Amino acid sequence: MRATRRSARAVLALGVLAVTAAVVPLTVAAPVGAVGVGAAEVGGVSRTAAESGAFDTRTVAAGPLRSAAIGNGSIGILRIPRLGGDYAQEIGEGVSERTVLNTRIGHFPGTAAAGEVGNFALAGHRTSHHAPLLRINELVVGDEILVETATSNIVYKFRSLEYVSASAIDVTWPTPRSESPATTGTITFVACNPLRSTAERIIVYGVLDRVTPK
């Protein structure tokens, strides 16, 4: 078991190094705790715009179109009421820049599915490509984080945030930052920090509150 765990973490470390060195699609099946989600964010966005939130963030139309997006290239829809009543972001499978992160939020392969015990880990841009996680640092303890999938409506509640090095890989472990087995569901957001920089990562955590089947 220990040998298997060490092998899996070696794969994770290699994935982190590859993505940190250059923004390339991730091909490993295991979750990666640090992804180069910010390399493309450095150019073309003024600091004033970044700090003011003046971005055309990608949202999904209300009503039937929102549900129709699920299963049509997306695994779910993310809503965070704190960020506005019209805040709705598609969630794609994978964290490849080209096929996922340039158009939506991405789910780290190998991490838990939404609503499951374990870590439902997501990555996204803050200052480019519709900047879906630009204001993720504004959440307040207890804020609801809503995920709609094809089969369920899932509610997480914001717990905490922290800042880590770009090479951190343990934020996507089943129990983030711990080797303990997962006993509850967690949602984790990974994004570059500070704005317009890839120097470190902002990590936002929420805990599973309830799952309602459709």
N, C-alpha and C. Protein backbone atom coordinates (compact mmCIF):
# COMPACT_ATOMS: atom_id res chain seq x y z
N MET A 1 0.83 -1.20 0.00
CA MET A 1 0.00 0.00 0.00
C MET A 1 0.87 1.26 0.00
N ARG A 2 1.91 1.25 0.90
CA ARG A 2 2.78 2.41 0.95
C ARG A 2 3.53 2.61 -0.36
N ALA A 3 3.95 1.49 -0.99
CA ALA A 3 4.66 1.59 -2.26
C ALA A 3 3.75 2.17 -3.32
N THR A 4 2.48 1.73 -3.32
CA THR A 4 1.52 2.25 -4.29
C THR A 4 1.30 3.74 -4.08
N ARG A 5 1.18 4.15 -2.79
CA ARG A 5 0.98 5.56 -2.49
C ARG A 5 2.16 6.40 -2.94
N ARG A 6 3.39 5.89 -2.68
CA ARG A 6 4.58 6.63 -3.11
C ARG A 6 4.63 6.75 -4.61
N SER A 7 4.26 5.67 -5.31
CA SER A 7 4.26 5.69 -6.77
C SER A 7 3.27 6.70 -7.31
N ALA A 8 2.06 6.73 -6.71
CA ALA A 8 1.04 7.69 -7.16
C ALA A 8 1.51 9.11 -6.95
N ARG A 9 2.16 9.37 -5.82
CA ARG A 9 2.62 10.73 -5.55
C ARG A 9 3.78 11.12 -6.44
N ALA A 10 4.58 10.13 -6.84
CA ALA A 10 5.65 10.43 -7.78
C ALA A 10 5.07 10.88 -9.11
N VAL A 11 3.98 10.22 -9.54
CA VAL A 11 3.31 10.63 -10.77
C VAL A 11 2.76 12.03 -10.63
N LEU A 12 2.17 12.34 -9.46
CA LEU A 12 1.65 13.68 -9.22
C LEU A 12 2.75 14.72 -9.31
N ALA A 13 3.88 14.44 -8.68
CA ALA A 13 4.98 15.39 -8.69
C ALA A 13 5.47 15.66 -10.10
N LEU A 14 5.58 14.61 -10.91
CA LEU A 14 6.00 14.78 -12.29
C LEU A 14 5.00 15.63 -13.06
N GLY A 15 3.71 15.41 -12.79
CA GLY A 15 2.69 16.20 -13.45
C GLY A 15 2.78 17.66 -13.08
N VAL A 16 3.02 17.94 -11.80
CA VAL A 16 3.16 19.32 -11.34
C VAL A 16 4.34 19.98 -12.02
N LEU A 17 5.47 19.30 -12.07
CA LEU A 17 6.66 19.87 -12.70
C LEU A 17 6.41 20.17 -14.17
N ALA A 18 5.74 19.27 -14.86
CA ALA A 18 5.48 19.46 -16.28
C ALA A 18 4.60 20.66 -16.52
N VAL A 19 3.57 20.81 -15.70
CA VAL A 19 2.63 21.91 -15.91
C VAL A 19 3.23 23.23 -15.46
N THR A 20 4.04 23.21 -14.40
CA THR A 20 4.66 24.44 -13.94
C THR A 20 5.68 24.95 -14.95
N ALA A 21 6.41 24.03 -15.57
CA ALA A 21 7.43 24.44 -16.53
C ALA A 21 6.83 25.06 -17.77
N ALA A 22 5.71 24.53 -18.21
CA ALA A 22 5.04 25.06 -19.40
C ALA A 22 3.60 24.62 -19.36
N VAL A 23 2.71 25.47 -19.82
CA VAL A 23 1.29 25.14 -19.79
C VAL A 23 1.02 24.10 -20.86
N VAL A 24 0.82 22.87 -20.42
CA VAL A 24 0.55 21.78 -21.36
C VAL A 24 -0.63 20.99 -20.83
N PRO A 25 -1.36 20.28 -21.69
CA PRO A 25 -2.47 19.46 -21.21
C PRO A 25 -1.97 18.37 -20.27
N LEU A 26 -2.70 18.13 -19.18
CA LEU A 26 -2.34 17.06 -18.27
C LEU A 26 -2.85 15.74 -18.83
N THR A 27 -2.00 14.73 -18.82
CA THR A 27 -2.40 13.44 -19.37
C THR A 27 -2.44 12.35 -18.33
N VAL A 28 -1.96 12.65 -17.10
CA VAL A 28 -1.99 11.63 -16.06
C VAL A 28 -3.39 11.55 -15.50
N ALA A 29 -3.77 10.35 -15.05
CA ALA A 29 -5.12 10.15 -14.52
C ALA A 29 -5.22 10.58 -13.08
N ALA A 30 -4.10 10.62 -12.36
CA ALA A 30 -4.14 10.98 -10.96
C ALA A 30 -4.33 12.48 -10.81
N PRO A 31 -4.91 12.94 -9.66
CA PRO A 31 -5.11 14.37 -9.46
C PRO A 31 -3.79 15.09 -9.28
N VAL A 32 -3.72 16.31 -9.72
CA VAL A 32 -2.53 17.14 -9.59
C VAL A 32 -2.90 18.35 -8.78
N GLY A 33 -2.12 18.65 -7.74
CA GLY A 33 -2.49 19.72 -6.83
C GLY A 33 -2.09 21.09 -7.29
N ALA A 34 -1.21 21.21 -8.26
CA ALA A 34 -0.82 22.52 -8.74
C ALA A 34 -0.85 22.49 -10.25
N VAL A 35 -1.61 23.35 -10.83
CA VAL A 35 -1.76 23.35 -12.28
C VAL A 35 -1.43 24.72 -12.80
N GLY A 36 -0.85 24.78 -13.99
CA GLY A 36 -0.47 26.07 -14.56
C GLY A 36 -1.65 26.83 -15.09
N VAL A 37 -2.61 27.14 -14.24
CA VAL A 37 -3.83 27.79 -14.71
C VAL A 37 -3.63 29.27 -14.94
N GLY A 38 -2.45 29.78 -14.61
CA GLY A 38 -2.30 31.22 -14.70
C GLY A 38 -1.30 31.71 -15.72
N ALA A 39 -0.61 30.82 -16.42
CA ALA A 39 0.42 31.28 -17.32
C ALA A 39 -0.13 32.19 -18.40
N ALA A 40 -1.33 31.86 -18.90
CA ALA A 40 -1.93 32.69 -19.94
C ALA A 40 -2.55 33.94 -19.37
N GLU A 41 -2.61 34.05 -18.04
CA GLU A 41 -3.26 35.19 -17.42
C GLU A 41 -2.33 36.40 -17.33
N VAL A 42 -1.05 36.18 -17.48
CA VAL A 42 -0.10 37.25 -17.22
C VAL A 42 -0.19 38.37 -18.24
N GLY A 43 -0.45 38.03 -19.49
CA GLY A 43 -0.47 39.06 -20.51
C GLY A 43 -1.86 39.51 -20.87
N GLY A 44 -1.98 40.74 -21.32
CA GLY A 44 -3.21 41.21 -21.92
C GLY A 44 -4.27 41.69 -20.97
N VAL A 45 -3.99 41.74 -19.67
CA VAL A 45 -4.97 42.20 -18.71
C VAL A 45 -4.32 43.23 -17.81
N SER A 46 -4.91 44.40 -17.71
CA SER A 46 -4.33 45.45 -16.88
C SER A 46 -4.59 45.15 -15.41
N ARG A 47 -3.69 45.59 -14.54
CA ARG A 47 -3.88 45.38 -13.11
C ARG A 47 -5.13 46.09 -12.62
N THR A 48 -5.42 47.26 -13.17
CA THR A 48 -6.62 47.99 -12.76
C THR A 48 -7.86 47.18 -13.05
N ALA A 49 -7.94 46.60 -14.23
CA ALA A 49 -9.10 45.80 -14.58
C ALA A 49 -9.21 44.57 -13.69
N ALA A 50 -8.06 43.94 -13.43
CA ALA A 50 -8.08 42.74 -12.60
C ALA A 50 -8.59 43.04 -11.21
N GLU A 51 -8.12 44.14 -10.62
CA GLU A 51 -8.49 44.45 -9.26
C GLU A 51 -9.92 44.96 -9.15
N SER A 52 -10.44 45.53 -10.21
CA SER A 52 -11.80 46.07 -10.16
C SER A 52 -12.85 45.03 -10.50
N GLY A 53 -12.41 43.87 -11.02
CA GLY A 53 -13.36 42.85 -11.41
C GLY A 53 -13.99 43.13 -12.75
N ALA A 54 -13.37 43.96 -13.58
CA ALA A 54 -13.96 44.34 -14.86
C ALA A 54 -13.67 43.29 -15.92
N PHE A 55 -14.30 42.13 -15.77
CA PHE A 55 -14.11 41.05 -16.72
C PHE A 55 -15.45 40.55 -17.21
N ASP A 56 -15.46 40.08 -18.44
CA ASP A 56 -16.66 39.48 -19.01
C ASP A 56 -16.66 38.01 -18.63
N THR A 57 -17.04 37.70 -17.39
CA THR A 57 -16.97 36.33 -16.92
C THR A 57 -17.99 35.47 -17.63
N ARG A 58 -17.59 34.23 -17.88
CA ARG A 58 -18.43 33.31 -18.64
C ARG A 58 -19.56 32.78 -17.76
N THR A 59 -20.79 33.00 -18.17
CA THR A 59 -21.91 32.48 -17.42
C THR A 59 -22.76 31.63 -18.34
N VAL A 60 -23.58 30.81 -17.74
CA VAL A 60 -24.49 29.95 -18.49
C VAL A 60 -25.88 30.52 -18.36
N ALA A 61 -26.60 30.60 -19.46
CA ALA A 61 -27.93 31.18 -19.44
C ALA A 61 -28.84 30.46 -18.45
N ALA A 62 -29.76 31.21 -17.85
CA ALA A 62 -30.68 30.63 -16.88
C ALA A 62 -31.65 29.68 -17.55
N GLY A 63 -32.27 28.81 -16.72
CA GLY A 63 -33.33 27.95 -17.24
C GLY A 63 -32.81 26.73 -17.97
N PRO A 64 -33.55 26.29 -19.01
CA PRO A 64 -33.22 25.03 -19.69
C PRO A 64 -31.81 24.97 -20.25
N LEU A 65 -31.28 26.10 -20.72
CA LEU A 65 -29.93 26.07 -21.29
C LEU A 65 -28.90 25.65 -20.26
N ARG A 66 -29.13 26.04 -19.03
CA ARG A 66 -28.19 25.69 -17.97
C ARG A 66 -28.13 24.18 -17.79
N SER A 67 -29.27 23.53 -17.69
CA SER A 67 -29.30 22.08 -17.53
C SER A 67 -28.84 21.37 -18.80
N ALA A 68 -29.14 21.96 -19.95
CA ALA A 68 -28.76 21.33 -21.22
C ALA A 68 -27.26 21.25 -21.38
N ALA A 69 -26.53 22.17 -20.74
CA ALA A 69 -25.07 22.17 -20.85
C ALA A 69 -24.46 20.94 -20.19
N ILE A 70 -25.15 20.39 -19.18
CA ILE A 70 -24.63 19.21 -18.49
C ILE A 70 -24.73 18.00 -19.40
N GLY A 71 -23.62 17.33 -19.58
CA GLY A 71 -23.59 16.17 -20.46
C GLY A 71 -23.29 16.52 -21.89
N ASN A 72 -23.28 17.81 -22.19
CA ASN A 72 -22.94 18.27 -23.53
C ASN A 72 -21.57 18.95 -23.47
N GLY A 73 -20.59 18.18 -23.01
CA GLY A 73 -19.24 18.72 -22.85
C GLY A 73 -18.94 19.18 -21.45
N SER A 74 -19.93 19.19 -20.56
CA SER A 74 -19.72 19.61 -19.18
C SER A 74 -20.27 18.56 -18.23
N ILE A 75 -19.64 18.46 -17.05
CA ILE A 75 -20.10 17.50 -16.06
C ILE A 75 -21.00 18.14 -15.03
N GLY A 76 -21.09 19.46 -15.04
CA GLY A 76 -21.94 20.13 -14.07
C GLY A 76 -21.91 21.63 -14.23
N ILE A 77 -22.71 22.29 -13.40
CA ILE A 77 -22.79 23.75 -13.37
C ILE A 77 -22.49 24.21 -11.95
N LEU A 78 -21.61 25.19 -11.83
CA LEU A 78 -21.25 25.77 -10.54
C LEU A 78 -21.96 27.09 -10.35
N ARG A 79 -22.59 27.27 -9.20
CA ARG A 79 -23.19 28.55 -8.83
C ARG A 79 -22.68 28.95 -7.45
N ILE A 80 -22.38 30.22 -7.27
CA ILE A 80 -21.97 30.74 -5.97
C ILE A 80 -22.76 32.02 -5.73
N PRO A 81 -23.84 31.97 -4.95
CA PRO A 81 -24.68 33.15 -4.76
C PRO A 81 -23.92 34.39 -4.30
N ARG A 82 -22.88 34.23 -3.49
CA ARG A 82 -22.10 35.38 -3.03
C ARG A 82 -21.53 36.18 -4.20
N LEU A 83 -21.27 35.51 -5.32
CA LEU A 83 -20.66 36.17 -6.48
C LEU A 83 -21.70 36.71 -7.46
N GLY A 84 -22.97 36.65 -7.09
CA GLY A 84 -24.02 37.23 -7.92
C GLY A 84 -25.07 36.21 -8.32
N GLY A 85 -26.30 36.69 -8.46
CA GLY A 85 -27.39 35.80 -8.82
C GLY A 85 -27.25 35.20 -10.20
N ASP A 86 -26.47 35.85 -11.06
CA ASP A 86 -26.29 35.34 -12.42
C ASP A 86 -24.98 34.58 -12.59
N TYR A 87 -24.28 34.33 -11.47
CA TYR A 87 -23.01 33.60 -11.57
C TYR A 87 -23.29 32.12 -11.77
N ALA A 88 -22.93 31.62 -12.93
CA ALA A 88 -23.09 30.19 -13.25
C ALA A 88 -22.00 29.80 -14.22
N GLN A 89 -21.20 28.81 -13.85
CA GLN A 89 -20.05 28.41 -14.64
C GLN A 89 -20.12 26.93 -14.98
N GLU A 90 -19.83 26.61 -16.22
CA GLU A 90 -19.74 25.20 -16.60
C GLU A 90 -18.49 24.56 -16.00
N ILE A 91 -18.61 23.29 -15.66
CA ILE A 91 -17.49 22.50 -15.17
C ILE A 91 -17.19 21.41 -16.18
N GLY A 92 -15.97 21.39 -16.70
CA GLY A 92 -15.56 20.36 -17.63
C GLY A 92 -14.70 19.32 -16.95
N GLU A 93 -14.54 18.17 -17.58
CA GLU A 93 -13.69 17.12 -17.03
C GLU A 93 -12.27 17.29 -17.53
N GLY A 94 -11.31 17.38 -16.60
CA GLY A 94 -9.91 17.56 -16.95
C GLY A 94 -9.44 18.98 -16.70
N VAL A 95 -8.12 19.17 -16.74
CA VAL A 95 -7.55 20.49 -16.52
C VAL A 95 -6.60 20.88 -17.65
N SER A 96 -6.86 20.37 -18.83
CA SER A 96 -6.10 20.80 -20.01
C SER A 96 -6.46 22.24 -20.33
N GLU A 97 -5.45 23.07 -20.54
CA GLU A 97 -5.70 24.46 -20.92
C GLU A 97 -6.53 24.53 -22.19
N ARG A 98 -6.11 23.80 -23.21
CA ARG A 98 -6.70 23.95 -24.54
C ARG A 98 -8.13 23.44 -24.59
N THR A 99 -8.39 22.30 -23.98
CA THR A 99 -9.71 21.69 -24.15
C THR A 99 -10.69 22.00 -23.03
N VAL A 100 -10.20 22.49 -21.89
CA VAL A 100 -11.11 22.75 -20.77
C VAL A 100 -10.94 24.15 -20.19
N LEU A 101 -9.78 24.45 -19.62
CA LEU A 101 -9.64 25.65 -18.82
C LEU A 101 -9.78 26.95 -19.60
N ASN A 102 -9.55 26.91 -20.89
CA ASN A 102 -9.72 28.14 -21.67
C ASN A 102 -11.18 28.48 -21.91
N THR A 103 -12.08 27.58 -21.55
CA THR A 103 -13.51 27.85 -21.77
C THR A 103 -14.37 27.64 -20.53
N ARG A 104 -13.84 26.99 -19.49
CA ARG A 104 -14.66 26.68 -18.33
C ARG A 104 -13.77 26.31 -17.15
N ILE A 105 -14.39 26.01 -16.04
CA ILE A 105 -13.69 25.46 -14.88
C ILE A 105 -13.43 23.98 -15.14
N GLY A 106 -12.31 23.46 -14.62
CA GLY A 106 -11.96 22.06 -14.85
C GLY A 106 -11.93 21.24 -13.59
N HIS A 107 -12.32 19.97 -13.72
CA HIS A 107 -12.28 19.01 -12.61
C HIS A 107 -11.03 18.16 -12.73
N PHE A 108 -10.24 18.11 -11.66
CA PHE A 108 -9.02 17.31 -11.67
C PHE A 108 -9.37 15.83 -11.81
N PRO A 109 -8.90 15.16 -12.88
CA PRO A 109 -9.14 13.72 -13.02
C PRO A 109 -8.56 12.96 -11.83
N GLY A 110 -9.28 11.97 -11.37
CA GLY A 110 -8.81 11.17 -10.26
C GLY A 110 -9.27 11.65 -8.91
N THR A 111 -9.83 12.87 -8.83
CA THR A 111 -10.40 13.32 -7.56
C THR A 111 -11.88 12.93 -7.53
N ALA A 112 -12.49 13.08 -6.36
CA ALA A 112 -13.87 12.64 -6.18
C ALA A 112 -14.83 13.37 -7.11
N ALA A 113 -15.93 12.72 -7.40
CA ALA A 113 -17.01 13.37 -8.13
C ALA A 113 -17.79 14.27 -7.18
N ALA A 114 -18.54 15.20 -7.72
CA ALA A 114 -19.34 16.11 -6.90
C ALA A 114 -20.31 15.33 -6.03
N GLY A 115 -20.34 15.68 -4.74
CA GLY A 115 -21.26 15.04 -3.82
C GLY A 115 -20.76 13.78 -3.17
N GLU A 116 -19.60 13.29 -3.59
CA GLU A 116 -19.04 12.06 -3.01
C GLU A 116 -18.15 12.37 -1.81
N VAL A 117 -17.92 11.35 -0.99
CA VAL A 117 -16.89 11.44 0.03
C VAL A 117 -15.54 11.56 -0.68
N GLY A 118 -14.71 12.48 -0.23
CA GLY A 118 -13.45 12.74 -0.90
C GLY A 118 -13.39 14.18 -1.37
N ASN A 119 -12.42 14.47 -2.20
CA ASN A 119 -12.12 15.84 -2.59
C ASN A 119 -12.52 16.10 -4.05
N PHE A 120 -13.56 16.86 -4.25
CA PHE A 120 -14.00 17.30 -5.58
C PHE A 120 -13.17 18.54 -5.91
N ALA A 121 -12.06 18.35 -6.62
CA ALA A 121 -11.07 19.41 -6.83
C ALA A 121 -11.23 20.05 -8.20
N LEU A 122 -11.25 21.39 -8.22
CA LEU A 122 -11.49 22.16 -9.44
C LEU A 122 -10.40 23.19 -9.64
N ALA A 123 -10.16 23.55 -10.90
CA ALA A 123 -9.19 24.59 -11.24
C ALA A 123 -9.82 25.56 -12.22
N GLY A 124 -9.35 26.81 -12.19
CA GLY A 124 -9.87 27.80 -13.13
C GLY A 124 -9.02 29.05 -13.15
N HIS A 125 -9.25 29.87 -14.17
CA HIS A 125 -8.51 31.12 -14.31
C HIS A 125 -9.10 32.23 -13.44
N ARG A 126 -8.27 33.22 -13.12
CA ARG A 126 -8.75 34.39 -12.37
C ARG A 126 -8.71 35.67 -13.19
N THR A 127 -7.82 35.78 -14.17
CA THR A 127 -7.72 37.04 -14.91
C THR A 127 -7.65 36.85 -16.41
N SER A 128 -8.08 35.72 -16.91
CA SER A 128 -8.16 35.52 -18.36
C SER A 128 -9.20 34.46 -18.65
N HIS A 129 -9.53 34.30 -19.93
CA HIS A 129 -10.47 33.27 -20.35
C HIS A 129 -11.74 33.29 -19.49
N HIS A 130 -12.35 34.46 -19.43
CA HIS A 130 -13.61 34.69 -18.72
C HIS A 130 -13.45 34.74 -17.21
N ALA A 131 -12.26 34.51 -16.71
CA ALA A 131 -11.94 34.69 -15.29
C ALA A 131 -13.00 34.14 -14.34
N PRO A 132 -13.35 32.86 -14.43
CA PRO A 132 -14.43 32.34 -13.60
C PRO A 132 -14.15 32.36 -12.10
N LEU A 133 -12.86 32.36 -11.71
CA LEU A 133 -12.53 32.34 -10.28
C LEU A 133 -11.93 33.66 -9.81
N LEU A 134 -12.17 34.72 -10.55
CA LEU A 134 -11.59 36.03 -10.20
C LEU A 134 -11.90 36.42 -8.76
N ARG A 135 -13.13 36.27 -8.32
CA ARG A 135 -13.56 36.76 -7.01
C ARG A 135 -13.71 35.65 -5.98
N ILE A 136 -13.05 34.53 -6.22
CA ILE A 136 -13.19 33.39 -5.32
C ILE A 136 -12.70 33.72 -3.91
N ASN A 137 -11.84 34.73 -3.77
CA ASN A 137 -11.32 35.13 -2.47
C ASN A 137 -12.33 35.91 -1.64
N GLU A 138 -13.50 36.23 -2.19
CA GLU A 138 -14.49 37.05 -1.49
C GLU A 138 -15.48 36.22 -0.66
N LEU A 139 -15.36 34.92 -0.69
CA LEU A 139 -16.32 34.09 0.03
C LEU A 139 -16.19 34.27 1.55
N VAL A 140 -17.33 34.14 2.22
CA VAL A 140 -17.42 34.27 3.67
C VAL A 140 -17.82 32.91 4.25
N VAL A 141 -17.30 32.60 5.42
CA VAL A 141 -17.59 31.30 6.04
C VAL A 141 -19.09 31.04 6.06
N GLY A 142 -19.48 29.88 5.56
CA GLY A 142 -20.89 29.51 5.51
C GLY A 142 -21.55 29.77 4.17
N ASP A 143 -20.89 30.53 3.28
CA ASP A 143 -21.46 30.78 1.95
C ASP A 143 -21.72 29.47 1.23
N GLU A 144 -22.84 29.40 0.53
CA GLU A 144 -23.16 28.19 -0.22
C GLU A 144 -22.42 28.15 -1.55
N ILE A 145 -21.95 26.98 -1.90
CA ILE A 145 -21.34 26.69 -3.20
C ILE A 145 -22.19 25.58 -3.80
N LEU A 146 -22.86 25.88 -4.89
CA LEU A 146 -23.86 24.98 -5.45
C LEU A 146 -23.33 24.31 -6.71
N VAL A 147 -23.48 23.01 -6.79
CA VAL A 147 -23.08 22.26 -7.97
C VAL A 147 -24.28 21.46 -8.46
N GLU A 148 -24.64 21.66 -9.70
CA GLU A 148 -25.71 20.88 -10.32
C GLU A 148 -25.09 19.89 -11.28
N THR A 149 -25.43 18.62 -11.12
CA THR A 149 -25.00 17.59 -12.07
C THR A 149 -26.23 17.03 -12.78
N ALA A 150 -26.01 16.04 -13.61
CA ALA A 150 -27.13 15.46 -14.34
C ALA A 150 -28.12 14.76 -13.42
N THR A 151 -27.66 14.35 -12.24
CA THR A 151 -28.51 13.56 -11.35
C THR A 151 -28.81 14.21 -10.00
N SER A 152 -28.05 15.25 -9.63
CA SER A 152 -28.19 15.79 -8.27
C SER A 152 -27.97 17.29 -8.22
N ASN A 153 -28.53 17.90 -7.17
CA ASN A 153 -28.19 19.26 -6.77
C ASN A 153 -27.42 19.16 -5.46
N ILE A 154 -26.21 19.69 -5.46
CA ILE A 154 -25.28 19.48 -4.36
C ILE A 154 -24.92 20.82 -3.74
N VAL A 155 -24.89 20.86 -2.42
CA VAL A 155 -24.56 22.09 -1.71
C VAL A 155 -23.33 21.86 -0.84
N TYR A 156 -22.31 22.67 -1.07
CA TYR A 156 -21.15 22.75 -0.18
C TYR A 156 -21.22 24.09 0.54
N LYS A 157 -20.53 24.21 1.67
CA LYS A 157 -20.43 25.49 2.36
C LYS A 157 -18.97 25.87 2.54
N PHE A 158 -18.67 27.12 2.19
CA PHE A 158 -17.29 27.61 2.27
C PHE A 158 -16.78 27.49 3.70
N ARG A 159 -15.53 27.00 3.79
CA ARG A 159 -14.91 26.80 5.10
C ARG A 159 -13.71 27.71 5.30
N SER A 160 -12.78 27.71 4.34
CA SER A 160 -11.53 28.45 4.54
C SER A 160 -10.80 28.61 3.22
N LEU A 161 -9.76 29.45 3.26
CA LEU A 161 -8.86 29.56 2.11
C LEU A 161 -7.44 29.69 2.62
N GLU A 162 -6.50 29.38 1.75
CA GLU A 162 -5.09 29.53 2.08
C GLU A 162 -4.30 29.77 0.81
N TYR A 163 -3.05 30.14 0.98
CA TYR A 163 -2.15 30.37 -0.14
C TYR A 163 -0.99 29.38 -0.04
N VAL A 164 -0.67 28.74 -1.15
CA VAL A 164 0.38 27.72 -1.15
C VAL A 164 1.32 27.96 -2.32
N SER A 165 2.44 27.26 -2.30
CA SER A 165 3.39 27.37 -3.41
C SER A 165 2.80 26.73 -4.66
N ALA A 166 3.32 27.13 -5.80
CA ALA A 166 2.83 26.60 -7.07
C ALA A 166 3.08 25.11 -7.22
N SER A 167 4.00 24.57 -6.44
CA SER A 167 4.34 23.15 -6.56
C SER A 167 3.58 22.27 -5.57
N ALA A 168 2.70 22.84 -4.78
CA ALA A 168 1.95 22.05 -3.79
C ALA A 168 1.07 21.03 -4.51
N ILE A 169 1.10 19.80 -4.04
CA ILE A 169 0.27 18.76 -4.66
C ILE A 169 -0.75 18.19 -3.68
N ASP A 170 -0.59 18.49 -2.39
CA ASP A 170 -1.45 17.85 -1.40
C ASP A 170 -2.83 18.48 -1.26
N VAL A 171 -3.07 19.59 -1.93
CA VAL A 171 -4.39 20.22 -1.83
C VAL A 171 -5.47 19.42 -2.54
N THR A 172 -5.07 18.51 -3.42
CA THR A 172 -6.06 17.68 -4.12
C THR A 172 -6.14 16.26 -3.57
N TRP A 173 -5.46 15.98 -2.49
CA TRP A 173 -5.57 14.67 -1.86
C TRP A 173 -7.00 14.47 -1.35
N PRO A 174 -7.45 13.22 -1.13
CA PRO A 174 -8.82 12.97 -0.67
C PRO A 174 -9.20 13.78 0.56
N THR A 175 -8.28 13.89 1.52
CA THR A 175 -8.41 14.85 2.61
C THR A 175 -7.33 15.90 2.37
N PRO A 176 -7.68 17.10 1.93
CA PRO A 176 -6.67 18.08 1.55
C PRO A 176 -5.63 18.31 2.64
N ARG A 177 -4.35 18.28 2.24
CA ARG A 177 -3.22 18.59 3.11
C ARG A 177 -3.03 17.56 4.23
N SER A 178 -3.63 16.38 4.09
CA SER A 178 -3.53 15.37 5.13
C SER A 178 -3.52 13.99 4.50
N GLU A 179 -2.80 13.05 5.13
CA GLU A 179 -2.79 11.67 4.65
C GLU A 179 -3.94 10.85 5.23
N SER A 180 -4.75 11.46 6.07
CA SER A 180 -5.88 10.73 6.66
C SER A 180 -6.91 10.37 5.60
N PRO A 181 -7.55 9.21 5.71
CA PRO A 181 -8.60 8.85 4.76
C PRO A 181 -9.75 9.86 4.82
N ALA A 182 -10.38 10.09 3.70
CA ALA A 182 -11.50 11.02 3.65
C ALA A 182 -12.71 10.44 4.37
N THR A 183 -13.38 11.26 5.16
CA THR A 183 -14.59 10.83 5.86
C THR A 183 -15.79 11.70 5.47
N THR A 184 -15.55 12.75 4.71
CA THR A 184 -16.62 13.64 4.28
C THR A 184 -16.31 14.15 2.89
N GLY A 185 -17.23 14.88 2.32
CA GLY A 185 -17.01 15.47 1.00
C GLY A 185 -16.43 16.87 1.12
N THR A 186 -15.51 17.18 0.24
CA THR A 186 -14.87 18.49 0.20
C THR A 186 -14.87 18.99 -1.23
N ILE A 187 -15.01 20.31 -1.40
CA ILE A 187 -14.77 20.93 -2.70
C ILE A 187 -13.56 21.83 -2.55
N THR A 188 -12.64 21.75 -3.50
CA THR A 188 -11.41 22.54 -3.46
C THR A 188 -11.25 23.28 -4.78
N PHE A 189 -11.00 24.58 -4.70
CA PHE A 189 -10.70 25.38 -5.89
C PHE A 189 -9.22 25.73 -5.90
N VAL A 190 -8.58 25.58 -7.05
CA VAL A 190 -7.17 25.91 -7.23
C VAL A 190 -7.07 26.98 -8.31
N ALA A 191 -6.42 28.10 -7.98
CA ALA A 191 -6.25 29.17 -8.97
C ALA A 191 -4.96 29.91 -8.68
N CYS A 192 -4.45 30.60 -9.68
CA CYS A 192 -3.19 31.32 -9.52
C CYS A 192 -3.36 32.56 -8.66
N ASN A 193 -2.29 32.93 -7.98
CA ASN A 193 -2.27 34.10 -7.11
C ASN A 193 -0.83 34.61 -7.02
N PRO A 194 -0.63 35.95 -6.89
CA PRO A 194 -1.62 37.02 -6.98
C PRO A 194 -2.13 37.20 -8.40
N LEU A 195 -3.06 38.14 -8.58
CA LEU A 195 -3.60 38.37 -9.91
C LEU A 195 -2.47 38.70 -10.88
N ARG A 196 -2.57 38.13 -12.08
CA ARG A 196 -1.59 38.34 -13.15
C ARG A 196 -0.22 37.74 -12.80
N SER A 197 -0.22 36.72 -11.97
CA SER A 197 1.03 36.06 -11.59
C SER A 197 0.79 34.58 -11.40
N THR A 198 1.84 33.78 -11.62
CA THR A 198 1.76 32.34 -11.38
C THR A 198 2.64 31.94 -10.20
N ALA A 199 3.01 32.91 -9.36
CA ALA A 199 3.97 32.66 -8.30
C ALA A 199 3.46 31.66 -7.26
N GLU A 200 2.17 31.70 -6.97
CA GLU A 200 1.63 30.82 -5.96
C GLU A 200 0.20 30.46 -6.33
N ARG A 201 -0.50 29.75 -5.44
CA ARG A 201 -1.88 29.36 -5.68
C ARG A 201 -2.76 29.80 -4.52
N ILE A 202 -3.95 30.26 -4.84
CA ILE A 202 -4.98 30.45 -3.83
C ILE A 202 -5.82 29.18 -3.81
N ILE A 203 -6.06 28.65 -2.63
CA ILE A 203 -6.81 27.41 -2.46
C ILE A 203 -8.03 27.72 -1.61
N VAL A 204 -9.20 27.39 -2.12
CA VAL A 204 -10.45 27.65 -1.42
C VAL A 204 -11.14 26.32 -1.14
N TYR A 205 -11.57 26.14 0.12
CA TYR A 205 -12.17 24.88 0.54
C TYR A 205 -13.63 25.06 0.97
N GLY A 206 -14.44 24.08 0.64
CA GLY A 206 -15.80 24.00 1.15
C GLY A 206 -16.09 22.59 1.61
N VAL A 207 -17.06 22.43 2.49
CA VAL A 207 -17.42 21.11 3.00
C VAL A 207 -18.82 20.75 2.52
N LEU A 208 -19.03 19.48 2.26
CA LEU A 208 -20.31 19.01 1.74
C LEU A 208 -21.40 19.19 2.79
N ASP A 209 -22.50 19.80 2.37
CA ASP A 209 -23.63 20.03 3.27
C ASP A 209 -24.78 19.08 2.99
N ARG A 210 -25.16 18.97 1.72
CA ARG A 210 -26.27 18.07 1.38
C ARG A 210 -26.29 17.77 -0.11
N VAL A 211 -26.89 16.64 -0.44
CA VAL A 211 -27.07 16.21 -1.82
C VAL A 211 -28.54 15.89 -2.02
N THR A 212 -29.15 16.50 -3.03
CA THR A 212 -30.57 16.27 -3.31
C THR A 212 -30.69 15.66 -4.70
N PRO A 213 -31.13 14.41 -4.80
CA PRO A 213 -31.32 13.81 -6.13
C PRO A 213 -32.38 14.58 -6.91
N LYS A 214 -32.22 14.62 -8.22
CA LYS A 214 -33.22 15.30 -9.06
C LYS A 214 -34.45 14.41 -9.22
